Amino acid sequence: MKNEPRDFIIPIRVNFEEKDKIKRRAEIVGKNISTFMRDSALGCEIKEKPDKNFYELTTKKMGNFMRTLDELERLLYHKDFIDERILNKEIQEWRKFRLEIKQKYL
């Protein structure tokens, strides 16, 4: 459906305030007005695009988690040993991270 040409135009009338509100909402979700209106009319779920802080937070935290998991994997592979202190600490950090995401962004 996305790759099909869009040959038809459906004009709608809105007042100045409605036009501004539609434009702002489209910008918030990261879409142009046409795509926003089409998705809205077709019943698609419209979600706000997360802000830059969200990406910075998740990228940094996920990088830290990946490094720790790599370290635990190396220990397990080379020494057949898992440092439970590191593992438990990482589990707690992961739970805090999930809670922070839920509270701030969901």
PDB file of N, CA and C in Angstrom:
ATOM      1  N   MET A   1       0.819  -1.190   0.000  1.00  0.00           N
ATOM      2  CA  MET A   1       0.000   0.000   0.000  1.00  0.00           C
ATOM      3  C   MET A   1       0.865   1.256   0.000  1.00  0.00           C
ATOM      4  N   LYS A   2       2.015   1.218   0.692  1.00  0.00           N
ATOM      5  CA  LYS A   2       2.868   2.395   0.742  1.00  0.00           C
ATOM      6  C   LYS A   2       3.494   2.729  -0.601  1.00  0.00           C
ATOM      7  N   ASN A   3       3.814   1.709  -1.392  1.00  0.00           N
ATOM      8  CA  ASN A   3       4.490   1.942  -2.661  1.00  0.00           C
ATOM      9  C   ASN A   3       3.541   2.253  -3.811  1.00  0.00           C
ATOM     10  N   GLU A   4       2.251   2.111  -3.559  1.00  0.00           N
ATOM     11  CA  GLU A   4       1.282   2.408  -4.605  1.00  0.00           C
ATOM     12  C   GLU A   4       1.205   3.917  -4.820  1.00  0.00           C
ATOM     13  N   PRO A   5       1.041   4.337  -6.077  1.00  0.00           N
ATOM     14  CA  PRO A   5       0.925   5.784  -6.324  1.00  0.00           C
ATOM     15  C   PRO A   5      -0.368   6.322  -5.726  1.00  0.00           C
ATOM     16  N   ARG A   6      -0.307   7.549  -5.282  1.00  0.00           N
ATOM     17  CA  ARG A   6      -1.491   8.205  -4.717  1.00  0.00           C
ATOM     18  C   ARG A   6      -1.998   9.201  -5.750  1.00  0.00           C
ATOM     19  N   ASP A   7      -3.030   8.782  -6.461  1.00  0.00           N
ATOM     20  CA  ASP A   7      -3.541   9.562  -7.592  1.00  0.00           C
ATOM     21  C   ASP A   7      -4.706  10.471  -7.232  1.00  0.00           C
ATOM     22  N   PHE A   8      -5.261  10.317  -6.046  1.00  0.00           N
ATOM     23  CA  PHE A   8      -6.459  11.068  -5.709  1.00  0.00           C
ATOM     24  C   PHE A   8      -6.193  12.051  -4.580  1.00  0.00           C
ATOM     25  N   ILE A   9      -6.830  13.207  -4.662  1.00  0.00           N
ATOM     26  CA  ILE A   9      -6.739  14.224  -3.625  1.00  0.00           C
ATOM     27  C   ILE A   9      -8.125  14.377  -3.015  1.00  0.00           C
ATOM     28  N   ILE A  10      -8.182  14.382  -1.692  1.00  0.00           N
ATOM     29  CA  ILE A  10      -9.449  14.593  -0.995  1.00  0.00           C
ATOM     30  C   ILE A  10      -9.320  15.908  -0.229  1.00  0.00           C
ATOM     31  N   PRO A  11      -9.856  16.977  -0.772  1.00  0.00           N
ATOM     32  CA  PRO A  11      -9.734  18.260  -0.068  1.00  0.00           C
ATOM     33  C   PRO A  11     -10.666  18.318   1.143  1.00  0.00           C
ATOM     34  N   ILE A  12     -10.182  18.924   2.198  1.00  0.00           N
ATOM     35  CA  ILE A  12     -11.026  19.164   3.372  1.00  0.00           C
ATOM     36  C   ILE A  12     -10.875  20.621   3.766  1.00  0.00           C
ATOM     37  N   ARG A  13     -11.888  21.148   4.383  1.00  0.00           N
ATOM     38  CA  ARG A  13     -11.848  22.535   4.822  1.00  0.00           C
ATOM     39  C   ARG A  13     -11.627  22.577   6.329  1.00  0.00           C
ATOM     40  N   VAL A  14     -10.693  23.399   6.733  1.00  0.00           N
ATOM     41  CA  VAL A  14     -10.430  23.627   8.151  1.00  0.00           C
ATOM     42  C   VAL A  14     -10.226  25.124   8.354  1.00  0.00           C
ATOM     43  N   ASN A  15     -10.409  25.584   9.595  1.00  0.00           N
ATOM     44  CA  ASN A  15     -10.124  26.988   9.863  1.00  0.00           C
ATOM     45  C   ASN A  15      -8.652  27.141  10.241  1.00  0.00           C
ATOM     46  N   PHE A  16      -8.224  28.358  10.475  1.00  0.00           N
ATOM     47  CA  PHE A  16      -6.812  28.648  10.732  1.00  0.00           C
ATOM     48  C   PHE A  16      -6.297  27.905  11.964  1.00  0.00           C
ATOM     49  N   GLU A  17      -7.088  27.910  13.049  1.00  0.00           N
ATOM     50  CA  GLU A  17      -6.650  27.245  14.283  1.00  0.00           C
ATOM     51  C   GLU A  17      -6.535  25.732  14.089  1.00  0.00           C
ATOM     52  N   GLU A  18      -7.490  25.149  13.372  1.00  0.00           N
ATOM     53  CA  GLU A  18      -7.437  23.712  13.108  1.00  0.00           C
ATOM     54  C   GLU A  18      -6.220  23.353  12.269  1.00  0.00           C
ATOM     55  N   LYS A  19      -5.937  24.183  11.266  1.00  0.00           N
ATOM     56  CA  LYS A  19      -4.768  23.940  10.414  1.00  0.00           C
ATOM     57  C   LYS A  19      -3.488  23.965  11.241  1.00  0.00           C
ATOM     58  N   ASP A  20      -3.356  24.950  12.122  1.00  0.00           N
ATOM     59  CA  ASP A  20      -2.166  25.035  12.969  1.00  0.00           C
ATOM     60  C   ASP A  20      -2.064  23.839  13.914  1.00  0.00           C
ATOM     61  N   LYS A  21      -3.198  23.434  14.483  1.00  0.00           N
ATOM     62  CA  LYS A  21      -3.198  22.295  15.400  1.00  0.00           C
ATOM     63  C   LYS A  21      -2.801  21.008  14.664  1.00  0.00           C
ATOM     64  N   ILE A  22      -3.348  20.805  13.474  1.00  0.00           N
ATOM     65  CA  ILE A  22      -3.003  19.620  12.680  1.00  0.00           C
ATOM     66  C   ILE A  22      -1.521  19.639  12.325  1.00  0.00           C
ATOM     67  N   LYS A  23      -1.020  20.790  11.922  1.00  0.00           N
ATOM     68  CA  LYS A  23       0.392  20.911  11.562  1.00  0.00           C
ATOM     69  C   LYS A  23       1.295  20.603  12.762  1.00  0.00           C
ATOM     70  N   ARG A  24       0.955  21.154  13.940  1.00  0.00           N
ATOM     71  CA  ARG A  24       1.764  20.904  15.151  1.00  0.00           C
ATOM     72  C   ARG A  24       1.746  19.425  15.520  1.00  0.00           C
ATOM     73  N   ARG A  25       0.564  18.792  15.474  1.00  0.00           N
ATOM     74  CA  ARG A  25       0.477  17.365  15.821  1.00  0.00           C
ATOM     75  C   ARG A  25       1.267  16.512  14.837  1.00  0.00           C
ATOM     76  N   ALA A  26       1.230  16.870  13.561  1.00  0.00           N
ATOM     77  CA  ALA A  26       1.999  16.125  12.557  1.00  0.00           C
ATOM     78  C   ALA A  26       3.498  16.252  12.841  1.00  0.00           C
ATOM     79  N   GLU A  27       3.938  17.448  13.213  1.00  0.00           N
ATOM     80  CA  GLU A  27       5.357  17.653  13.536  1.00  0.00           C
ATOM     81  C   GLU A  27       5.761  16.856  14.765  1.00  0.00           C
ATOM     82  N   ILE A  28       4.880  16.805  15.769  1.00  0.00           N
ATOM     83  CA  ILE A  28       5.179  16.065  16.998  1.00  0.00           C
ATOM     84  C   ILE A  28       5.402  14.586  16.713  1.00  0.00           C
ATOM     85  N   VAL A  29       4.600  14.013  15.825  1.00  0.00           N
ATOM     86  CA  VAL A  29       4.743  12.586  15.520  1.00  0.00           C
ATOM     87  C   VAL A  29       5.750  12.322  14.402  1.00  0.00           C
ATOM     88  N   GLY A  30       6.328  13.385  13.850  1.00  0.00           N
ATOM     89  CA  GLY A  30       7.372  13.220  12.842  1.00  0.00           C
ATOM     90  C   GLY A  30       6.860  12.878  11.461  1.00  0.00           C
ATOM     91  N   LYS A  31       5.670  13.383  11.109  1.00  0.00           N
ATOM     92  CA  LYS A  31       5.098  13.101   9.789  1.00  0.00           C
ATOM     93  C   LYS A  31       4.727  14.400   9.099  1.00  0.00           C
ATOM     94  N   ASN A  32       4.598  14.336   7.779  1.00  0.00           N
ATOM     95  CA  ASN A  32       4.077  15.513   7.090  1.00  0.00           C
ATOM     96  C   ASN A  32       2.555  15.509   7.237  1.00  0.00           C
ATOM     97  N   ILE A  33       1.923  16.620   6.906  1.00  0.00           N
ATOM     98  CA  ILE A  33       0.479  16.753   7.115  1.00  0.00           C
ATOM     99  C   ILE A  33      -0.298  15.705   6.330  1.00  0.00           C
ATOM    100  N   SER A  34       0.092  15.454   5.108  1.00  0.00           N
ATOM    101  CA  SER A  34      -0.617  14.490   4.271  1.00  0.00           C
ATOM    102  C   SER A  34      -0.595  13.091   4.892  1.00  0.00           C
ATOM    103  N   THR A  35       0.576  12.648   5.297  1.00  0.00           N
ATOM    104  CA  THR A  35       0.704  11.323   5.906  1.00  0.00           C
ATOM    105  C   THR A  35      -0.052  11.264   7.227  1.00  0.00           C
ATOM    106  N   PHE A  36       0.055  12.320   8.024  1.00  0.00           N
ATOM    107  CA  PHE A  36      -0.642  12.378   9.301  1.00  0.00           C
ATOM    108  C   PHE A  36      -2.155  12.276   9.105  1.00  0.00           C
ATOM    109  N   MET A  37      -2.691  13.043   8.175  1.00  0.00           N
ATOM    110  CA  MET A  37      -4.131  13.029   7.924  1.00  0.00           C
ATOM    111  C   MET A  37      -4.586  11.670   7.378  1.00  0.00           C
ATOM    112  N   ARG A  38      -3.799  11.086   6.471  1.00  0.00           N
ATOM    113  CA  ARG A  38      -4.146   9.784   5.905  1.00  0.00           C
ATOM    114  C   ARG A  38      -4.143   8.717   7.007  1.00  0.00           C
ATOM    115  N   ASP A  39      -3.095   8.696   7.814  1.00  0.00           N
ATOM    116  CA  ASP A  39      -3.025   7.712   8.895  1.00  0.00           C
ATOM    117  C   ASP A  39      -4.165   7.899   9.893  1.00  0.00           C
ATOM    118  N   SER A  40      -4.481   9.149  10.215  1.00  0.00           N
ATOM    119  CA  SER A  40      -5.586   9.424  11.143  1.00  0.00           C
ATOM    120  C   SER A  40      -6.905   8.923  10.568  1.00  0.00           C
ATOM    121  N   ALA A  41      -7.159   9.223   9.311  1.00  0.00           N
ATOM    122  CA  ALA A  41      -8.426   8.833   8.678  1.00  0.00           C
ATOM    123  C   ALA A  41      -8.550   7.323   8.537  1.00  0.00           C
ATOM    124  N   LEU A  42      -7.429   6.633   8.360  1.00  0.00           N
ATOM    125  CA  LEU A  42      -7.467   5.178   8.178  1.00  0.00           C
ATOM    126  C   LEU A  42      -7.423   4.415   9.496  1.00  0.00           C
ATOM    127  N   GLY A  43      -7.418   5.159  10.608  1.00  0.00           N
ATOM    128  CA  GLY A  43      -7.488   4.515  11.914  1.00  0.00           C
ATOM    129  C   GLY A  43      -6.165   4.002  12.443  1.00  0.00           C
ATOM    130  N   CYS A  44      -5.059   4.464  11.876  1.00  0.00           N
ATOM    131  CA  CYS A  44      -3.750   4.039  12.370  1.00  0.00           C
ATOM    132  C   CYS A  44      -3.492   4.670  13.733  1.00  0.00           C
ATOM    133  N   GLU A  45      -2.748   3.963  14.579  1.00  0.00           N
ATOM    134  CA  GLU A  45      -2.410   4.508  15.884  1.00  0.00           C
ATOM    135  C   GLU A  45      -1.340   5.580  15.695  1.00  0.00           C
ATOM    136  N   ILE A  46      -1.607   6.760  16.216  1.00  0.00           N
ATOM    137  CA  ILE A  46      -0.690   7.883  16.088  1.00  0.00           C
ATOM    138  C   ILE A  46       0.032   8.062  17.413  1.00  0.00           C
ATOM    139  N   LYS A  47       1.351   7.939  17.388  1.00  0.00           N
ATOM    140  CA  LYS A  47       2.152   8.102  18.604  1.00  0.00           C
ATOM    141  C   LYS A  47       3.157   9.221  18.413  1.00  0.00           C
ATOM    142  N   GLU A  48       3.420   9.920  19.515  1.00  0.00           N
ATOM    143  CA  GLU A  48       4.416  10.981  19.452  1.00  0.00           C
ATOM    144  C   GLU A  48       5.802  10.386  19.247  1.00  0.00           C
ATOM    145  N   LYS A  49       6.594  11.104  18.501  1.00  0.00           N
ATOM    146  CA  LYS A  49       7.981  10.712  18.299  1.00  0.00           C
ATOM    147  C   LYS A  49       8.752  11.064  19.576  1.00  0.00           C
ATOM    148  N   PRO A  50       9.496  10.109  20.151  1.00  0.00           N
ATOM    149  CA  PRO A  50      10.239  10.423  21.372  1.00  0.00           C
ATOM    150  C   PRO A  50      11.246  11.558  21.133  1.00  0.00           C
ATOM    151  N   ASP A  51      11.484  12.322  22.177  1.00  0.00           N
ATOM    152  CA  ASP A  51      12.422  13.434  22.056  1.00  0.00           C
ATOM    153  C   ASP A  51      13.865  12.938  22.029  1.00  0.00           C
ATOM    154  N   LYS A  52      14.785  13.838  21.765  1.00  0.00           N
ATOM    155  CA  LYS A  52      16.200  13.502  21.632  1.00  0.00           C
ATOM    156  C   LYS A  52      16.760  12.914  22.933  1.00  0.00           C
ATOM    157  N   ASN A  53      16.274  13.402  24.084  1.00  0.00           N
ATOM    158  CA  ASN A  53      16.748  12.887  25.372  1.00  0.00           C
ATOM    159  C   ASN A  53      16.463  11.403  25.521  1.00  0.00           C
ATOM    160  N   PHE A  54      15.319  10.951  25.005  1.00  0.00           N
ATOM    161  CA  PHE A  54      14.974   9.538  25.072  1.00  0.00           C
ATOM    162  C   PHE A  54      16.021   8.695  24.341  1.00  0.00           C
ATOM    163  N   TYR A  55      16.385   9.119  23.136  1.00  0.00           N
ATOM    164  CA  TYR A  55      17.369   8.367  22.360  1.00  0.00           C
ATOM    165  C   TYR A  55      18.735   8.376  23.033  1.00  0.00           C
ATOM    166  N   GLU A  56      19.127   9.525  23.581  1.00  0.00           N
ATOM    167  CA  GLU A  56      20.420   9.597  24.269  1.00  0.00           C
ATOM    168  C   GLU A  56      20.437   8.692  25.493  1.00  0.00           C
ATOM    169  N   LEU A  57      19.347   8.727  26.273  1.00  0.00           N
ATOM    170  CA  LEU A  57      19.247   7.893  27.468  1.00  0.00           C
ATOM    171  C   LEU A  57      19.308   6.418  27.109  1.00  0.00           C
ATOM    172  N   THR A  58      18.494   5.998  26.157  1.00  0.00           N
ATOM    173  CA  THR A  58      18.440   4.578  25.819  1.00  0.00           C
ATOM    174  C   THR A  58      19.722   4.102  25.151  1.00  0.00           C
ATOM    175  N   THR A  59      20.302   4.903  24.286  1.00  0.00           N
ATOM    176  CA  THR A  59      21.532   4.499  23.607  1.00  0.00           C
ATOM    177  C   THR A  59      22.670   4.312  24.611  1.00  0.00           C
ATOM    178  N   LYS A  60      22.816   5.251  25.525  1.00  0.00           N
ATOM    179  CA  LYS A  60      23.887   5.156  26.524  1.00  0.00           C
ATOM    180  C   LYS A  60      23.675   3.953  27.435  1.00  0.00           C
ATOM    181  N   LYS A  61      22.449   3.811  27.956  1.00  0.00           N
ATOM    182  CA  LYS A  61      22.168   2.701  28.872  1.00  0.00           C
ATOM    183  C   LYS A  61      22.305   1.348  28.172  1.00  0.00           C
ATOM    184  N   MET A  62      21.790   1.243  26.950  1.00  0.00           N
ATOM    185  CA  MET A  62      21.877  -0.028  26.238  1.00  0.00           C
ATOM    186  C   MET A  62      23.330  -0.381  25.929  1.00  0.00           C
ATOM    187  N   GLY A  63      24.135   0.629  25.623  1.00  0.00           N
ATOM    188  CA  GLY A  63      25.567   0.388  25.406  1.00  0.00           C
ATOM    189  C   GLY A  63      26.225  -0.168  26.657  1.00  0.00           C
ATOM    190  N   ASN A  64      25.883   0.402  27.804  1.00  0.00           N
ATOM    191  CA  ASN A  64      26.437  -0.092  29.073  1.00  0.00           C
ATOM    192  C   ASN A  64      25.993  -1.532  29.338  1.00  0.00           C
ATOM    193  N   PHE A  65      24.724  -1.825  29.102  1.00  0.00           N
ATOM    194  CA  PHE A  65      24.235  -3.188  29.297  1.00  0.00           C
ATOM    195  C   PHE A  65      24.970  -4.167  28.377  1.00  0.00           C
ATOM    196  N   MET A  66      25.154  -3.780  27.137  1.00  0.00           N
ATOM    197  CA  MET A  66      25.828  -4.663  26.181  1.00  0.00           C
ATOM    198  C   MET A  66      27.279  -4.939  26.600  1.00  0.00           C
ATOM    199  N   ARG A  67      27.976  -3.914  27.064  1.00  0.00           N
ATOM    200  CA  ARG A  67      29.360  -4.113  27.513  1.00  0.00           C
ATOM    201  C   ARG A  67      29.416  -5.081  28.694  1.00  0.00           C
ATOM    202  N   THR A  68      28.506  -4.915  29.645  1.00  0.00           N
ATOM    203  CA  THR A  68      28.494  -5.801  30.810  1.00  0.00           C
ATOM    204  C   THR A  68      28.152  -7.229  30.411  1.00  0.00           C
ATOM    205  N   LEU A  69      27.182  -7.383  29.523  1.00  0.00           N
ATOM    206  CA  LEU A  69      26.834  -8.735  29.060  1.00  0.00           C
ATOM    207  C   LEU A  69      27.996  -9.380  28.309  1.00  0.00           C
ATOM    208  N   ASP A  70      28.707  -8.582  27.516  1.00  0.00           N
ATOM    209  CA  ASP A  70      29.901  -9.110  26.839  1.00  0.00           C
ATOM    210  C   ASP A  70      30.935  -9.587  27.848  1.00  0.00           C
ATOM    211  N   GLU A  71      31.127  -8.790  28.904  1.00  0.00           N
ATOM    212  CA  GLU A  71      32.088  -9.164  29.942  1.00  0.00           C
ATOM    213  C   GLU A  71      31.665 -10.462  30.624  1.00  0.00           C
ATOM    214  N   LEU A  72      30.381 -10.578  30.952  1.00  0.00           N
ATOM    215  CA  LEU A  72      29.890 -11.807  31.580  1.00  0.00           C
ATOM    216  C   LEU A  72      30.021 -13.001  30.632  1.00  0.00           C
ATOM    217  N   GLU A  73      29.760 -12.784  29.362  1.00  0.00           N
ATOM    218  CA  GLU A  73      29.887 -13.854  28.377  1.00  0.00           C
ATOM    219  C   GLU A  73      31.340 -14.331  28.266  1.00  0.00           C
ATOM    220  N   ARG A  74      32.288 -13.389  28.255  1.00  0.00           N
ATOM    221  CA  ARG A  74      33.710 -13.765  28.203  1.00  0.00           C
ATOM    222  C   ARG A  74      34.114 -14.588  29.420  1.00  0.00           C
ATOM    223  N   LEU A  75      33.661 -14.148  30.607  1.00  0.00           N
ATOM    224  CA  LEU A  75      33.970 -14.907  31.821  1.00  0.00           C
ATOM    225  C   LEU A  75      33.417 -16.327  31.739  1.00  0.00           C
ATOM    226  N   LEU A  76      32.197 -16.438  31.272  1.00  0.00           N
ATOM    227  CA  LEU A  76      31.573 -17.760  31.175  1.00  0.00           C
ATOM    228  C   LEU A  76      32.301 -18.637  30.163  1.00  0.00           C
ATOM    229  N   TYR A  77      32.650 -18.065  29.023  1.00  0.00           N
ATOM    230  CA  TYR A  77      33.301 -18.835  27.965  1.00  0.00           C
ATOM    231  C   TYR A  77      34.721 -19.251  28.351  1.00  0.00           C
ATOM    232  N   HIS A  78      35.516 -18.297  28.843  1.00  0.00           N
ATOM    233  CA  HIS A  78      36.933 -18.579  29.112  1.00  0.00           C
ATOM    234  C   HIS A  78      37.179 -19.230  30.469  1.00  0.00           C
ATOM    235  N   LYS A  79      36.383 -18.889  31.455  1.00  0.00           N
ATOM    236  CA  LYS A  79      36.656 -19.397  32.805  1.00  0.00           C
ATOM    237  C   LYS A  79      35.529 -20.250  33.358  1.00  0.00           C
ATOM    238  N   ASP A  80      34.468 -20.441  32.558  1.00  0.00           N
ATOM    239  CA  ASP A  80      33.313 -21.219  33.002  1.00  0.00           C
ATOM    240  C   ASP A  80      32.814 -20.714  34.357  1.00  0.00           C
ATOM    241  N   PHE A  81      32.701 -19.377  34.444  1.00  0.00           N
ATOM    242  CA  PHE A  81      32.371 -18.723  35.709  1.00  0.00           C
ATOM    243  C   PHE A  81      31.536 -17.470  35.415  1.00  0.00           C
ATOM    244  N   ILE A  82      30.509 -17.244  36.231  1.00  0.00           N
ATOM    245  CA  ILE A  82      29.734 -16.001  36.143  1.00  0.00           C
ATOM    246  C   ILE A  82      29.845 -15.297  37.488  1.00  0.00           C
ATOM    247  N   ASP A  83      30.234 -14.059  37.443  1.00  0.00           N
ATOM    248  CA  ASP A  83      30.327 -13.258  38.662  1.00  0.00           C
ATOM    249  C   ASP A  83      28.905 -12.825  39.034  1.00  0.00           C
ATOM    250  N   GLU A  84      28.361 -13.455  40.061  1.00  0.00           N
ATOM    251  CA  GLU A  84      26.968 -13.192  40.440  1.00  0.00           C
ATOM    252  C   GLU A  84      26.769 -11.767  40.932  1.00  0.00           C
ATOM    253  N   ARG A  85      27.792 -11.151  41.507  1.00  0.00           N
ATOM    254  CA  ARG A  85      27.661  -9.755  41.948  1.00  0.00           C
ATOM    255  C   ARG A  85      27.396  -8.854  40.752  1.00  0.00           C
ATOM    256  N   ILE A  86      28.157  -9.055  39.678  1.00  0.00           N
ATOM    257  CA  ILE A  86      27.964  -8.245  38.466  1.00  0.00           C
ATOM    258  C   ILE A  86      26.601  -8.530  37.861  1.00  0.00           C
ATOM    259  N   LEU A  87      26.235  -9.797  37.791  1.00  0.00           N
ATOM    260  CA  LEU A  87      24.955 -10.179  37.213  1.00  0.00           C
ATOM    261  C   LEU A  87      23.780  -9.586  37.999  1.00  0.00           C
ATOM    262  N   ASN A  88      23.809  -9.700  39.312  1.00  0.00           N
ATOM    263  CA  ASN A  88      22.726  -9.155  40.137  1.00  0.00           C
ATOM    264  C   ASN A  88      22.664  -7.629  40.054  1.00  0.00           C
ATOM    265  N   LYS A  89      23.822  -7.004  40.006  1.00  0.00           N
ATOM    266  CA  LYS A  89      23.856  -5.540  39.870  1.00  0.00           C
ATOM    267  C   LYS A  89      23.234  -5.131  38.535  1.00  0.00           C
ATOM    268  N   GLU A  90      23.554  -5.872  37.495  1.00  0.00           N
ATOM    269  CA  GLU A  90      23.030  -5.550  36.171  1.00  0.00           C
ATOM    270  C   GLU A  90      21.522  -5.782  36.101  1.00  0.00           C
ATOM    271  N   ILE A  91      21.038  -6.808  36.766  1.00  0.00           N
ATOM    272  CA  ILE A  91      19.596  -7.062  36.820  1.00  0.00           C
ATOM    273  C   ILE A  91      18.891  -5.896  37.502  1.00  0.00           C
ATOM    274  N   GLN A  92      19.456  -5.402  38.602  1.00  0.00           N
ATOM    275  CA  GLN A  92      18.870  -4.256  39.302  1.00  0.00           C
ATOM    276  C   GLN A  92      18.897  -3.002  38.424  1.00  0.00           C
ATOM    277  N   GLU A  93      19.997  -2.772  37.729  1.00  0.00           N
ATOM    278  CA  GLU A  93      20.104  -1.614  36.827  1.00  0.00           C
ATOM    279  C   GLU A  93      19.076  -1.706  35.705  1.00  0.00           C
ATOM    280  N   TRP A  94      18.896  -2.901  35.171  1.00  0.00           N
ATOM    281  CA  TRP A  94      17.923  -3.102  34.097  1.00  0.00           C
ATOM    282  C   TRP A  94      16.506  -2.804  34.591  1.00  0.00           C
ATOM    283  N   ARG A  95      16.170  -3.255  35.791  1.00  0.00           N
ATOM    284  CA  ARG A  95      14.842  -2.985  36.354  1.00  0.00           C
ATOM    285  C   ARG A  95      14.632  -1.486  36.576  1.00  0.00           C
ATOM    286  N   LYS A  96      15.656  -0.805  37.094  1.00  0.00           N
ATOM    287  CA  LYS A  96      15.552   0.645  37.284  1.00  0.00           C
ATOM    288  C   LYS A  96      15.375   1.358  35.953  1.00  0.00           C
ATOM    289  N   PHE A  97      16.111   0.918  34.948  1.00  0.00           N
ATOM    290  CA  PHE A  97      16.027   1.506  33.613  1.00  0.00           C
ATOM    291  C   PHE A  97      14.622   1.338  33.037  1.00  0.00           C
ATOM    292  N   ARG A  98      14.057   0.144  33.115  1.00  0.00           N
ATOM    293  CA  ARG A  98      12.698  -0.105  32.616  1.00  0.00           C
ATOM    294  C   ARG A  98      11.676   0.766  33.330  1.00  0.00           C
ATOM    295  N   LEU A  99      11.807   0.892  34.644  1.00  0.00           N
ATOM    296  CA  LEU A  99      10.887   1.715  35.418  1.00  0.00           C
ATOM    297  C   LEU A  99      11.003   3.184  35.012  1.00  0.00           C
ATOM    298  N   GLU A 100      12.233   3.648  34.822  1.00  0.00           N
ATOM    299  CA  GLU A 100      12.466   5.039  34.402  1.00  0.00           C
ATOM    300  C   GLU A 100      11.824   5.315  33.047  1.00  0.00           C
ATOM    301  N   ILE A 101      11.973   4.395  32.114  1.00  0.00           N
ATOM    302  CA  ILE A 101      11.367   4.552  30.789  1.00  0.00           C
ATOM    303  C   ILE A 101       9.840   4.603  30.914  1.00  0.00           C
ATOM    304  N   LYS A 102       9.274   3.689  31.699  1.00  0.00           N
ATOM    305  CA  LYS A 102       7.818   3.669  31.865  1.00  0.00           C
ATOM    306  C   LYS A 102       7.303   4.966  32.474  1.00  0.00           C
ATOM    307  N   GLN A 103       8.006   5.467  33.494  1.00  0.00           N
ATOM    308  CA  GLN A 103       7.543   6.678  34.163  1.00  0.00           C
ATOM    309  C   GLN A 103       7.664   7.916  33.294  1.00  0.00           C
ATOM    310  N   LYS A 104       8.722   8.015  32.501  1.00  0.00           N
ATOM    311  CA  LYS A 104       8.959   9.217  31.727  1.00  0.00           C
ATOM    312  C   LYS A 104       8.272   9.214  30.375  1.00  0.00           C
ATOM    313  N   TYR A 105       8.174   8.047  29.752  1.00  0.00           N
ATOM    314  CA  TYR A 105       7.780   8.030  28.338  1.00  0.00           C
ATOM    315  C   TYR A 105       6.524   7.223  28.017  1.00  0.00           C
ATOM    316  N   LEU A 106       5.998   6.489  28.969  1.00  0.00           N
ATOM    317  CA  LEU A 106       4.790   5.710  28.643  1.00  0.00           C
ATOM    318  C   LEU A 106       3.604   6.190  29.436  1.00  0.00           C
TER     319      LEU A 106
END
